[in-house]
Amino acid sequence: WAAIADAEAGPSAPVAQAPIATEGMSFREAKERAVASWEREYV
């Protein structure tokens, strides 16, 4: 949350690309992949 709100204290949080719905992939799995991608780029 701090990374989302605090652009002045650290680098700008990378903008997450909206995940494309993939047949056979649950919402939870798609969300976990999006979070992992965002976390890596942010760190």
PDB file of all heavy atoms in Angstrom:
ATOM      1  N   TRP A   1       0.825  -1.207   0.000  1.00  0.00           N
ATOM      2  CA  TRP A   1       0.000   0.000   0.000  1.00  0.00           C
ATOM      3  C   TRP A   1       0.862   1.261   0.000  1.00  0.00           C
ATOM      4  O   TRP A   1       0.551   2.242  -0.654  1.00  0.00           O
ATOM      5  CB  TRP A   1      -0.925   0.003   1.208  1.00  0.00           C
ATOM      6  CG  TRP A   1      -2.031  -0.993   1.086  1.00  0.00           C
ATOM      7  CD1 TRP A   1      -2.476  -1.583  -0.055  1.00  0.00           C
ATOM      8  CD2 TRP A   1      -2.802  -1.549   2.151  1.00  0.00           C
ATOM      9  NE1 TRP A   1      -3.483  -2.461   0.229  1.00  0.00           N
ATOM     10  CE2 TRP A   1      -3.713  -2.461   1.571  1.00  0.00           C
ATOM     11  CE3 TRP A   1      -2.819  -1.360   3.521  1.00  0.00           C
ATOM     12  CZ2 TRP A   1      -4.620  -3.171   2.325  1.00  0.00           C
ATOM     13  CZ3 TRP A   1      -3.729  -2.071   4.285  1.00  0.00           C
ATOM     14  CH2 TRP A   1      -4.625  -2.975   3.687  1.00  0.00           C
ATOM     15  N   ALA A   2       1.935   1.214   0.763  1.00  0.00           N
ATOM     16  CA  ALA A   2       2.805   2.388   0.814  1.00  0.00           C
ATOM     17  C   ALA A   2       3.364   2.706  -0.565  1.00  0.00           C
ATOM     18  O   ALA A   2       3.479   3.856  -0.957  1.00  0.00           O
ATOM     19  CB  ALA A   2       3.946   2.153   1.798  1.00  0.00           C
ATOM     20  N   ALA A   3       3.706   1.649  -1.306  1.00  0.00           N
ATOM     21  CA  ALA A   3       4.257   1.860  -2.640  1.00  0.00           C
ATOM     22  C   ALA A   3       3.233   2.473  -3.577  1.00  0.00           C
ATOM     23  O   ALA A   3       3.554   3.273  -4.449  1.00  0.00           O
ATOM     24  CB  ALA A   3       4.744   0.528  -3.215  1.00  0.00           C
ATOM     25  N   ILE A   4       1.967   2.098  -3.378  1.00  0.00           N
ATOM     26  CA  ILE A   4       0.908   2.640  -4.219  1.00  0.00           C
ATOM     27  C   ILE A   4       0.720   4.125  -3.956  1.00  0.00           C
ATOM     28  O   ILE A   4       0.562   4.921  -4.858  1.00  0.00           O
ATOM     29  CB  ILE A   4      -0.410   1.898  -3.952  1.00  0.00           C
ATOM     30  CG1 ILE A   4      -0.279   0.459  -4.419  1.00  0.00           C
ATOM     31  CG2 ILE A   4      -1.592   2.575  -4.642  1.00  0.00           C
ATOM     32  CD1 ILE A   4      -1.424  -0.421  -3.983  1.00  0.00           C
ATOM     33  N   ALA A   5       0.742   4.502  -2.685  1.00  0.00           N
ATOM     34  CA  ALA A   5       0.364   5.861  -2.321  1.00  0.00           C
ATOM     35  C   ALA A   5       1.529   6.834  -2.247  1.00  0.00           C
ATOM     36  O   ALA A   5       1.326   8.024  -2.322  1.00  0.00           O
ATOM     37  CB  ALA A   5      -0.341   5.850  -0.973  1.00  0.00           C
ATOM     38  N   ASP A   6       2.762   6.341  -2.055  1.00  0.00           N
ATOM     39  CA  ASP A   6       3.860   7.235  -1.717  1.00  0.00           C
ATOM     40  C   ASP A   6       4.868   7.356  -2.844  1.00  0.00           C
ATOM     41  O   ASP A   6       5.934   6.789  -2.806  1.00  0.00           O
ATOM     42  CB  ASP A   6       4.546   6.719  -0.447  1.00  0.00           C
ATOM     43  CG  ASP A   6       5.394   7.789   0.193  1.00  0.00           C
ATOM     44  OD1 ASP A   6       5.475   8.885  -0.375  1.00  0.00           O
ATOM     45  OD2 ASP A   6       5.973   7.536   1.252  1.00  0.00           O
ATOM     46  N   ALA A   7       4.530   8.113  -3.863  1.00  0.00           N
ATOM     47  CA  ALA A   7       5.433   8.286  -4.997  1.00  0.00           C
ATOM     48  C   ALA A   7       6.637   9.126  -4.622  1.00  0.00           C
ATOM     49  O   ALA A   7       7.684   9.032  -5.238  1.00  0.00           O
ATOM     50  CB  ALA A   7       4.694   8.942  -6.160  1.00  0.00           C
ATOM     51  N   GLU A   8       6.499   9.987  -3.594  1.00  0.00           N
ATOM     52  CA  GLU A   8       7.586  10.871  -3.232  1.00  0.00           C
ATOM     53  C   GLU A   8       8.662  10.154  -2.440  1.00  0.00           C
ATOM     54  O   GLU A   8       9.837  10.470  -2.533  1.00  0.00           O
ATOM     55  CB  GLU A   8       7.048  12.044  -2.416  1.00  0.00           C
ATOM     56  CG  GLU A   8       6.118  12.942  -3.215  1.00  0.00           C
ATOM     57  CD  GLU A   8       5.525  14.043  -2.350  1.00  0.00           C
ATOM     58  OE1 GLU A   8       5.823  14.044  -1.139  1.00  0.00           O
ATOM     59  OE2 GLU A   8       4.787  14.874  -2.891  1.00  0.00           O
ATOM     60  N   ALA A   9       8.289   9.153  -1.643  1.00  0.00           N
ATOM     61  CA  ALA A   9       9.248   8.486  -0.778  1.00  0.00           C
ATOM     62  C   ALA A   9      10.095   7.468  -1.515  1.00  0.00           C
ATOM     63  O   ALA A   9      11.194   7.156  -1.107  1.00  0.00           O
ATOM     64  CB  ALA A   9       8.535   7.803   0.385  1.00  0.00           C
ATOM     65  N   GLY A  10       9.610   6.937  -2.604  1.00  0.00           N
ATOM     66  CA  GLY A  10      10.343   5.921  -3.345  1.00  0.00           C
ATOM     67  C   GLY A  10      10.088   6.055  -4.814  1.00  0.00           C
ATOM     68  O   GLY A  10       9.525   7.044  -5.266  1.00  0.00           O
ATOM     69  N   PRO A  11      10.484   5.091  -5.620  1.00  0.00           N
ATOM     70  CA  PRO A  11      10.263   5.161  -7.054  1.00  0.00           C
ATOM     71  C   PRO A  11       8.798   5.027  -7.378  1.00  0.00           C
ATOM     72  O   PRO A  11       8.020   4.502  -6.594  1.00  0.00           O
ATOM     73  CB  PRO A  11      11.059   3.949  -7.594  1.00  0.00           C
ATOM     74  CG  PRO A  11      11.033   2.979  -6.451  1.00  0.00           C
ATOM     75  CD  PRO A  11      11.105   3.817  -5.197  1.00  0.00           C
ATOM     76  N   SER A  12       8.437   5.520  -8.536  1.00  0.00           N
ATOM     77  CA  SER A  12       7.051   5.379  -8.967  1.00  0.00           C
ATOM     78  C   SER A  12       6.712   3.913  -9.139  1.00  0.00           C
ATOM     79  O   SER A  12       7.476   3.151  -9.727  1.00  0.00           O
ATOM     80  CB  SER A  12       6.828   6.097 -10.298  1.00  0.00           C
ATOM     81  OG  SER A  12       7.077   7.464 -10.136  1.00  0.00           O
ATOM     82  N   ALA A  13       5.573   3.528  -8.601  1.00  0.00           N
ATOM     83  CA  ALA A  13       5.152   2.141  -8.735  1.00  0.00           C
ATOM     84  C   ALA A  13       4.859   1.832 -10.184  1.00  0.00           C
ATOM     85  O   ALA A  13       4.175   2.596 -10.843  1.00  0.00           O
ATOM     86  CB  ALA A  13       3.913   1.890  -7.890  1.00  0.00           C
ATOM     87  N   PRO A  14       5.383   0.741 -10.727  1.00  0.00           N
ATOM     88  CA  PRO A  14       5.091   0.410 -12.110  1.00  0.00           C
ATOM     89  C   PRO A  14       3.612   0.155 -12.304  1.00  0.00           C
ATOM     90  O   PRO A  14       2.951  -0.394 -11.433  1.00  0.00           O
ATOM     91  CB  PRO A  14       5.919  -0.870 -12.358  1.00  0.00           C
ATOM     92  CG  PRO A  14       6.176  -1.433 -10.994  1.00  0.00           C
ATOM     93  CD  PRO A  14       6.236  -0.263 -10.058  1.00  0.00           C
ATOM     94  N   VAL A  15       3.108   0.600 -13.427  1.00  0.00           N
ATOM     95  CA  VAL A  15       1.690   0.420 -13.719  1.00  0.00           C
ATOM     96  C   VAL A  15       1.443  -1.021 -14.143  1.00  0.00           C
ATOM     97  O   VAL A  15       2.046  -1.514 -15.095  1.00  0.00           O
ATOM     98  CB  VAL A  15       1.239   1.374 -14.842  1.00  0.00           C
ATOM     99  CG1 VAL A  15      -0.222   1.133 -15.176  1.00  0.00           C
ATOM    100  CG2 VAL A  15       1.475   2.812 -14.423  1.00  0.00           C
ATOM    101  N   ALA A  16       0.563  -1.681 -13.416  1.00  0.00           N
ATOM    102  CA  ALA A  16       0.263  -3.080 -13.728  1.00  0.00           C
ATOM    103  C   ALA A  16      -0.592  -3.167 -14.973  1.00  0.00           C
ATOM    104  O   ALA A  16      -1.570  -2.450 -15.105  1.00  0.00           O
ATOM    105  CB  ALA A  16      -0.454  -3.725 -12.550  1.00  0.00           C
ATOM    106  N   GLN A  17      -0.216  -4.018 -15.902  1.00  0.00           N
ATOM    107  CA  GLN A  17      -1.029  -4.253 -17.074  1.00  0.00           C
ATOM    108  C   GLN A  17      -2.189  -5.173 -16.717  1.00  0.00           C
ATOM    109  O   GLN A  17      -2.032  -6.114 -15.949  1.00  0.00           O
ATOM    110  CB  GLN A  17      -0.184  -4.923 -18.177  1.00  0.00           C
ATOM    111  CG  GLN A  17       0.971  -4.062 -18.659  1.00  0.00           C
ATOM    112  CD  GLN A  17       0.477  -2.815 -19.351  1.00  0.00           C
ATOM    113  OE1 GLN A  17      -0.475  -2.861 -20.120  1.00  0.00           O
ATOM    114  NE2 GLN A  17       1.103  -1.685 -19.057  1.00  0.00           N
ATOM    115  N   ALA A  18      -3.338  -4.857 -17.224  1.00  0.00           N
ATOM    116  CA  ALA A  18      -4.502  -5.686 -16.925  1.00  0.00           C
ATOM    117  C   ALA A  18      -4.274  -7.097 -17.468  1.00  0.00           C
ATOM    118  O   ALA A  18      -3.948  -7.272 -18.632  1.00  0.00           O
ATOM    119  CB  ALA A  18      -5.746  -5.083 -17.563  1.00  0.00           C
ATOM    120  N   PRO A  19      -4.389  -8.124 -16.594  1.00  0.00           N
ATOM    121  CA  PRO A  19      -4.165  -9.489 -17.067  1.00  0.00           C
ATOM    122  C   PRO A  19      -5.247  -9.909 -18.045  1.00  0.00           C
ATOM    123  O   PRO A  19      -6.415  -9.566 -17.877  1.00  0.00           O
ATOM    124  CB  PRO A  19      -4.218 -10.320 -15.784  1.00  0.00           C
ATOM    125  CG  PRO A  19      -5.032  -9.504 -14.838  1.00  0.00           C
ATOM    126  CD  PRO A  19      -4.746  -8.070 -15.175  1.00  0.00           C
ATOM    127  N   ILE A  20      -4.837 -10.620 -19.069  1.00  0.00           N
ATOM    128  CA  ILE A  20      -5.782 -11.107 -20.071  1.00  0.00           C
ATOM    129  C   ILE A  20      -6.389 -12.418 -19.585  1.00  0.00           C
ATOM    130  O   ILE A  20      -5.683 -13.316 -19.135  1.00  0.00           O
ATOM    131  CB  ILE A  20      -5.063 -11.324 -21.424  1.00  0.00           C
ATOM    132  CG1 ILE A  20      -4.468 -10.004 -21.909  1.00  0.00           C
ATOM    133  CG2 ILE A  20      -6.012 -11.916 -22.452  1.00  0.00           C
ATOM    134  CD1 ILE A  20      -3.592 -10.153 -23.126  1.00  0.00           C
ATOM    135  N   ALA A  21      -7.723 -12.487 -19.632  1.00  0.00           N
ATOM    136  CA  ALA A  21      -8.398 -13.711 -19.190  1.00  0.00           C
ATOM    137  C   ALA A  21      -7.986 -14.871 -20.083  1.00  0.00           C
ATOM    138  O   ALA A  21      -8.039 -14.777 -21.307  1.00  0.00           O
ATOM    139  CB  ALA A  21      -9.909 -13.514 -19.236  1.00  0.00           C
ATOM    140  N   THR A  22      -7.535 -15.974 -19.453  1.00  0.00           N
ATOM    141  CA  THR A  22      -7.085 -17.151 -20.190  1.00  0.00           C
ATOM    142  C   THR A  22      -7.992 -18.323 -19.841  1.00  0.00           C
ATOM    143  O   THR A  22      -8.252 -18.581 -18.663  1.00  0.00           O
ATOM    144  CB  THR A  22      -5.627 -17.500 -19.827  1.00  0.00           C
ATOM    145  OG1 THR A  22      -4.815 -16.350 -20.088  1.00  0.00           O
ATOM    146  CG2 THR A  22      -5.132 -18.685 -20.637  1.00  0.00           C
ATOM    147  N   GLU A  23      -8.452 -19.016 -20.843  1.00  0.00           N
ATOM    148  CA  GLU A  23      -9.347 -20.140 -20.613  1.00  0.00           C
ATOM    149  C   GLU A  23      -8.644 -21.196 -19.756  1.00  0.00           C
ATOM    150  O   GLU A  23      -7.491 -21.559 -20.002  1.00  0.00           O
ATOM    151  CB  GLU A  23      -9.785 -20.742 -21.951  1.00  0.00           C
ATOM    152  CG  GLU A  23     -10.896 -21.776 -21.794  1.00  0.00           C
ATOM    153  CD  GLU A  23     -11.468 -22.188 -23.136  1.00  0.00           C
ATOM    154  OE1 GLU A  23     -11.158 -21.523 -24.126  1.00  0.00           O
ATOM    155  OE2 GLU A  23     -12.211 -23.176 -23.166  1.00  0.00           O
ATOM    156  N   GLY A  24      -9.342 -21.654 -18.744  1.00  0.00           N
ATOM    157  CA  GLY A  24      -8.783 -22.681 -17.872  1.00  0.00           C
ATOM    158  C   GLY A  24      -8.044 -22.122 -16.675  1.00  0.00           C
ATOM    159  O   GLY A  24      -7.668 -22.875 -15.778  1.00  0.00           O
ATOM    160  N   MET A  25      -7.805 -20.783 -16.635  1.00  0.00           N
ATOM    161  CA  MET A  25      -7.113 -20.166 -15.509  1.00  0.00           C
ATOM    162  C   MET A  25      -8.138 -19.496 -14.607  1.00  0.00           C
ATOM    163  O   MET A  25      -8.940 -18.687 -15.064  1.00  0.00           O
ATOM    164  CB  MET A  25      -6.093 -19.127 -16.000  1.00  0.00           C
ATOM    165  CG  MET A  25      -5.275 -18.503 -14.860  1.00  0.00           C
ATOM    166  SD  MET A  25      -4.178 -17.179 -15.440  1.00  0.00           S
ATOM    167  CE  MET A  25      -3.073 -18.125 -16.492  1.00  0.00           C
ATOM    168  N   SER A  26      -8.112 -19.823 -13.331  1.00  0.00           N
ATOM    169  CA  SER A  26      -9.060 -19.228 -12.392  1.00  0.00           C
ATOM    170  C   SER A  26      -8.701 -17.773 -12.128  1.00  0.00           C
ATOM    171  O   SER A  26      -7.571 -17.326 -12.384  1.00  0.00           O
ATOM    172  CB  SER A  26      -9.041 -20.001 -11.068  1.00  0.00           C
ATOM    173  OG  SER A  26      -7.801 -19.798 -10.404  1.00  0.00           O
ATOM    174  N   PHE A  27      -9.671 -17.015 -11.574  1.00  0.00           N
ATOM    175  CA  PHE A  27      -9.432 -15.617 -11.210  1.00  0.00           C
ATOM    176  C   PHE A  27      -8.292 -15.533 -10.194  1.00  0.00           C
ATOM    177  O   PHE A  27      -7.410 -14.674 -10.286  1.00  0.00           O
ATOM    178  CB  PHE A  27     -10.709 -15.000 -10.625  1.00  0.00           C
ATOM    179  CG  PHE A  27     -10.493 -13.658  -9.970  1.00  0.00           C
ATOM    180  CD1 PHE A  27     -10.395 -12.510 -10.745  1.00  0.00           C
ATOM    181  CD2 PHE A  27     -10.372 -13.553  -8.592  1.00  0.00           C
ATOM    182  CE1 PHE A  27     -10.180 -11.281 -10.147  1.00  0.00           C
ATOM    183  CE2 PHE A  27     -10.156 -12.328  -7.993  1.00  0.00           C
ATOM    184  CZ  PHE A  27     -10.059 -11.191  -8.768  1.00  0.00           C
ATOM    185  N   ARG A  28      -8.313 -16.432  -9.218  1.00  0.00           N
ATOM    186  CA  ARG A  28      -7.277 -16.415  -8.187  1.00  0.00           C
ATOM    187  C   ARG A  28      -5.883 -16.607  -8.777  1.00  0.00           C
ATOM    188  O   ARG A  28      -4.936 -15.899  -8.410  1.00  0.00           O
ATOM    189  CB  ARG A  28      -7.576 -17.504  -7.157  1.00  0.00           C
ATOM    190  CG  ARG A  28      -6.629 -17.509  -5.955  1.00  0.00           C
ATOM    191  CD  ARG A  28      -6.938 -18.689  -5.045  1.00  0.00           C
ATOM    192  NE  ARG A  28      -6.158 -18.608  -3.832  1.00  0.00           N
ATOM    193  CZ  ARG A  28      -6.536 -17.967  -2.740  1.00  0.00           C
ATOM    194  NH1 ARG A  28      -7.713 -17.354  -2.727  1.00  0.00           N
ATOM    195  NH2 ARG A  28      -5.776 -17.929  -1.662  1.00  0.00           N
ATOM    196  N   GLU A  29      -5.761 -17.543  -9.700  1.00  0.00           N
ATOM    197  CA  GLU A  29      -4.464 -17.817 -10.315  1.00  0.00           C
ATOM    198  C   GLU A  29      -3.999 -16.623 -11.147  1.00  0.00           C
ATOM    199  O   GLU A  29      -2.824 -16.241 -11.121  1.00  0.00           O
ATOM    200  CB  GLU A  29      -4.548 -19.070 -11.183  1.00  0.00           C
ATOM    201  CG  GLU A  29      -3.202 -19.512 -11.743  1.00  0.00           C
ATOM    202  CD  GLU A  29      -3.309 -20.772 -12.578  1.00  0.00           C
ATOM    203  OE1 GLU A  29      -4.437 -21.296 -12.696  1.00  0.00           O
ATOM    204  OE2 GLU A  29      -2.285 -21.216 -13.115  1.00  0.00           O
ATOM    205  N   ALA A  30      -4.943 -16.008 -11.902  1.00  0.00           N
ATOM    206  CA  ALA A  30      -4.598 -14.839 -12.714  1.00  0.00           C
ATOM    207  C   ALA A  30      -4.149 -13.685 -11.829  1.00  0.00           C
ATOM    208  O   ALA A  30      -3.191 -12.961 -12.134  1.00  0.00           O
ATOM    209  CB  ALA A  30      -5.800 -14.420 -13.564  1.00  0.00           C
ATOM    210  N   LYS A  31      -4.853 -13.518 -10.697  1.00  0.00           N
ATOM    211  CA  LYS A  31      -4.492 -12.451  -9.772  1.00  0.00           C
ATOM    212  C   LYS A  31      -3.105 -12.681  -9.188  1.00  0.00           C
ATOM    213  O   LYS A  31      -2.289 -11.756  -9.090  1.00  0.00           O
ATOM    214  CB  LYS A  31      -5.532 -12.377  -8.653  1.00  0.00           C
ATOM    215  CG  LYS A  31      -5.218 -11.356  -7.578  1.00  0.00           C
ATOM    216  CD  LYS A  31      -6.293 -11.355  -6.506  1.00  0.00           C
ATOM    217  CE  LYS A  31      -5.913 -10.422  -5.363  1.00  0.00           C
ATOM    218  NZ  LYS A  31      -6.928 -10.404  -4.295  1.00  0.00           N
ATOM    219  N   GLU A  32      -2.803 -13.930  -8.794  1.00  0.00           N
ATOM    220  CA  GLU A  32      -1.494 -14.234  -8.216  1.00  0.00           C
ATOM    221  C   GLU A  32      -0.372 -13.956  -9.205  1.00  0.00           C
ATOM    222  O   GLU A  32       0.683 -13.440  -8.838  1.00  0.00           O
ATOM    223  CB  GLU A  32      -1.459 -15.698  -7.762  1.00  0.00           C
ATOM    224  CG  GLU A  32      -2.304 -15.971  -6.518  1.00  0.00           C
ATOM    225  CD  GLU A  32      -2.371 -17.443  -6.175  1.00  0.00           C
ATOM    226  OE1 GLU A  32      -1.894 -18.265  -7.001  1.00  0.00           O
ATOM    227  OE2 GLU A  32      -2.902 -17.779  -5.093  1.00  0.00           O
ATOM    228  N   ARG A  33      -0.608 -14.279 -10.481  1.00  0.00           N
ATOM    229  CA  ARG A  33       0.407 -14.004 -11.505  1.00  0.00           C
ATOM    230  C   ARG A  33       0.626 -12.498 -11.670  1.00  0.00           C
ATOM    231  O   ARG A  33       1.767 -12.032 -11.810  1.00  0.00           O
ATOM    232  CB  ARG A  33      -0.014 -14.616 -12.839  1.00  0.00           C
ATOM    233  CG  ARG A  33       0.099 -16.121 -12.884  1.00  0.00           C
ATOM    234  CD  ARG A  33      -0.024 -16.626 -14.308  1.00  0.00           C
ATOM    235  NE  ARG A  33       0.049 -18.067 -14.394  1.00  0.00           N
ATOM    236  CZ  ARG A  33       0.105 -18.741 -15.534  1.00  0.00           C
ATOM    237  NH1 ARG A  33       0.081 -18.088 -16.690  1.00  0.00           N
ATOM    238  NH2 ARG A  33       0.178 -20.059 -15.530  1.00  0.00           N
ATOM    239  N   ALA A  34      -0.488 -11.738 -11.665  1.00  0.00           N
ATOM    240  CA  ALA A  34      -0.378 -10.284 -11.819  1.00  0.00           C
ATOM    241  C   ALA A  34       0.374  -9.673 -10.643  1.00  0.00           C
ATOM    242  O   ALA A  34       1.225  -8.794 -10.811  1.00  0.00           O
ATOM    243  CB  ALA A  34      -1.775  -9.663 -11.948  1.00  0.00           C
ATOM    244  N   VAL A  35       0.058 -10.129  -9.439  1.00  0.00           N
ATOM    245  CA  VAL A  35       0.730  -9.610  -8.248  1.00  0.00           C
ATOM    246  C   VAL A  35       2.214  -9.931  -8.289  1.00  0.00           C
ATOM    247  O   VAL A  35       3.064  -9.083  -7.993  1.00  0.00           O
ATOM    248  CB  VAL A  35       0.084 -10.191  -6.969  1.00  0.00           C
ATOM    249  CG1 VAL A  35       0.922  -9.851  -5.735  1.00  0.00           C
ATOM    250  CG2 VAL A  35      -1.330  -9.657  -6.804  1.00  0.00           C
ATOM    251  N   ALA A  36       2.557 -11.154  -8.661  1.00  0.00           N
ATOM    252  CA  ALA A  36       3.966 -11.568  -8.722  1.00  0.00           C
ATOM    253  C   ALA A  36       4.734 -10.709  -9.719  1.00  0.00           C
ATOM    254  O   ALA A  36       5.856 -10.256  -9.450  1.00  0.00           O
ATOM    255  CB  ALA A  36       4.066 -13.041  -9.099  1.00  0.00           C
ATOM    256  N   SER A  37       4.145 -10.460 -10.895  1.00  0.00           N
ATOM    257  CA  SER A  37       4.796  -9.635 -11.907  1.00  0.00           C
ATOM    258  C   SER A  37       4.994  -8.211 -11.398  1.00  0.00           C
ATOM    259  O   SER A  37       6.064  -7.615 -11.558  1.00  0.00           O
ATOM    260  CB  SER A  37       3.955  -9.635 -13.190  1.00  0.00           C
ATOM    261  OG  SER A  37       4.510  -8.770 -14.150  1.00  0.00           O
ATOM    262  N   TRP A  38       3.952  -7.668 -10.760  1.00  0.00           N
ATOM    263  CA  TRP A  38       4.047  -6.300 -10.243  1.00  0.00           C
ATOM    264  C   TRP A  38       5.102  -6.217  -9.149  1.00  0.00           C
ATOM    265  O   TRP A  38       5.919  -5.295  -9.126  1.00  0.00           O
ATOM    266  CB  TRP A  38       2.676  -5.881  -9.693  1.00  0.00           C
ATOM    267  CG  TRP A  38       2.639  -4.433  -9.294  1.00  0.00           C
ATOM    268  CD1 TRP A  38       2.246  -3.373 -10.037  1.00  0.00           C
ATOM    269  CD2 TRP A  38       3.021  -3.896  -8.022  1.00  0.00           C
ATOM    270  NE1 TRP A  38       2.366  -2.217  -9.321  1.00  0.00           N
ATOM    271  CE2 TRP A  38       2.832  -2.503  -8.076  1.00  0.00           C
ATOM    272  CE3 TRP A  38       3.494  -4.470  -6.838  1.00  0.00           C
ATOM    273  CZ2 TRP A  38       3.109  -1.659  -7.003  1.00  0.00           C
ATOM    274  CZ3 TRP A  38       3.781  -3.622  -5.753  1.00  0.00           C
ATOM    275  CH2 TRP A  38       3.578  -2.249  -5.846  1.00  0.00           C
ATOM    276  N   GLU A  39       5.098  -7.179  -8.213  1.00  0.00           N
ATOM    277  CA  GLU A  39       6.050  -7.164  -7.114  1.00  0.00           C
ATOM    278  C   GLU A  39       7.491  -7.190  -7.613  1.00  0.00           C
ATOM    279  O   GLU A  39       8.347  -6.460  -7.117  1.00  0.00           O
ATOM    280  CB  GLU A  39       5.810  -8.360  -6.180  1.00  0.00           C
ATOM    281  CG  GLU A  39       4.743  -8.130  -5.137  1.00  0.00           C
ATOM    282  CD  GLU A  39       4.688  -9.268  -4.128  1.00  0.00           C
ATOM    283  OE1 GLU A  39       5.367 -10.296  -4.348  1.00  0.00           O
ATOM    284  OE2 GLU A  39       3.954  -9.131  -3.137  1.00  0.00           O
ATOM    285  N   ARG A  40       7.752  -8.046  -8.607  1.00  0.00           N
ATOM    286  CA  ARG A  40       9.116  -8.164  -9.102  1.00  0.00           C
ATOM    287  C   ARG A  40       9.597  -6.840  -9.676  1.00  0.00           C
ATOM    288  O   ARG A  40      10.697  -6.370  -9.374  1.00  0.00           O
ATOM    289  CB  ARG A  40       9.218  -9.254 -10.174  1.00  0.00           C
ATOM    290  CG  ARG A  40      10.655  -9.452 -10.652  1.00  0.00           C
ATOM    291  CD  ARG A  40      10.791 -10.452 -11.791  1.00  0.00           C
ATOM    292  NE  ARG A  40      12.182 -10.752 -12.058  1.00  0.00           N
ATOM    293  CZ  ARG A  40      13.006  -9.941 -12.718  1.00  0.00           C
ATOM    294  NH1 ARG A  40      12.574  -8.784 -13.194  1.00  0.00           N
ATOM    295  NH2 ARG A  40      14.271 -10.277 -12.891  1.00  0.00           N
ATOM    296  N   GLU A  41       8.766  -6.203 -10.510  1.00  0.00           N
ATOM    297  CA  GLU A  41       9.166  -4.946 -11.128  1.00  0.00           C
ATOM    298  C   GLU A  41       9.306  -3.838 -10.083  1.00  0.00           C
ATOM    299  O   GLU A  41      10.199  -2.995 -10.164  1.00  0.00           O
ATOM    300  CB  GLU A  41       8.149  -4.530 -12.198  1.00  0.00           C
ATOM    301  CG  GLU A  41       8.203  -5.382 -13.450  1.00  0.00           C
ATOM    302  CD  GLU A  41       9.592  -5.384 -14.066  1.00  0.00           C
ATOM    303  OE1 GLU A  41      10.140  -4.293 -14.301  1.00  0.00           O
ATOM    304  OE2 GLU A  41      10.144  -6.491 -14.261  1.00  0.00           O
ATOM    305  N   TYR A  42       8.437  -3.859  -9.094  1.00  0.00           N
ATOM    306  CA  TYR A  42       8.519  -2.839  -8.046  1.00  0.00           C
ATOM    307  C   TYR A  42       9.806  -2.999  -7.237  1.00  0.00           C
ATOM    308  O   TYR A  42      10.538  -2.015  -6.996  1.00  0.00           O
ATOM    309  CB  TYR A  42       7.312  -2.912  -7.110  1.00  0.00           C
ATOM    310  CG  TYR A  42       7.423  -1.883  -6.018  1.00  0.00           C
ATOM    311  CD1 TYR A  42       7.144  -0.556  -6.281  1.00  0.00           C
ATOM    312  CD2 TYR A  42       7.866  -2.227  -4.745  1.00  0.00           C
ATOM    313  CE1 TYR A  42       7.298   0.413  -5.305  1.00  0.00           C
ATOM    314  CE2 TYR A  42       8.015  -1.273  -3.754  1.00  0.00           C
ATOM    315  CZ  TYR A  42       7.733   0.045  -4.043  1.00  0.00           C
ATOM    316  OH  TYR A  42       7.894   1.005  -3.089  1.00  0.00           O
ATOM    317  N   VAL A  43      10.097  -4.230  -6.787  1.00  0.00           N
ATOM    318  CA  VAL A  43      11.291  -4.468  -5.979  1.00  0.00           C
ATOM    319  C   VAL A  43      12.545  -4.121  -6.776  1.00  0.00           C
ATOM    320  O   VAL A  43      13.481  -3.495  -6.250  1.00  0.00           O
ATOM    321  CB  VAL A  43      11.322  -5.936  -5.489  1.00  0.00           C
ATOM    322  CG1 VAL A  43      12.682  -6.270  -4.869  1.00  0.00           C
ATOM    323  CG2 VAL A  43      10.206  -6.177  -4.489  1.00  0.00           C
TER     324      VAL A  43
END
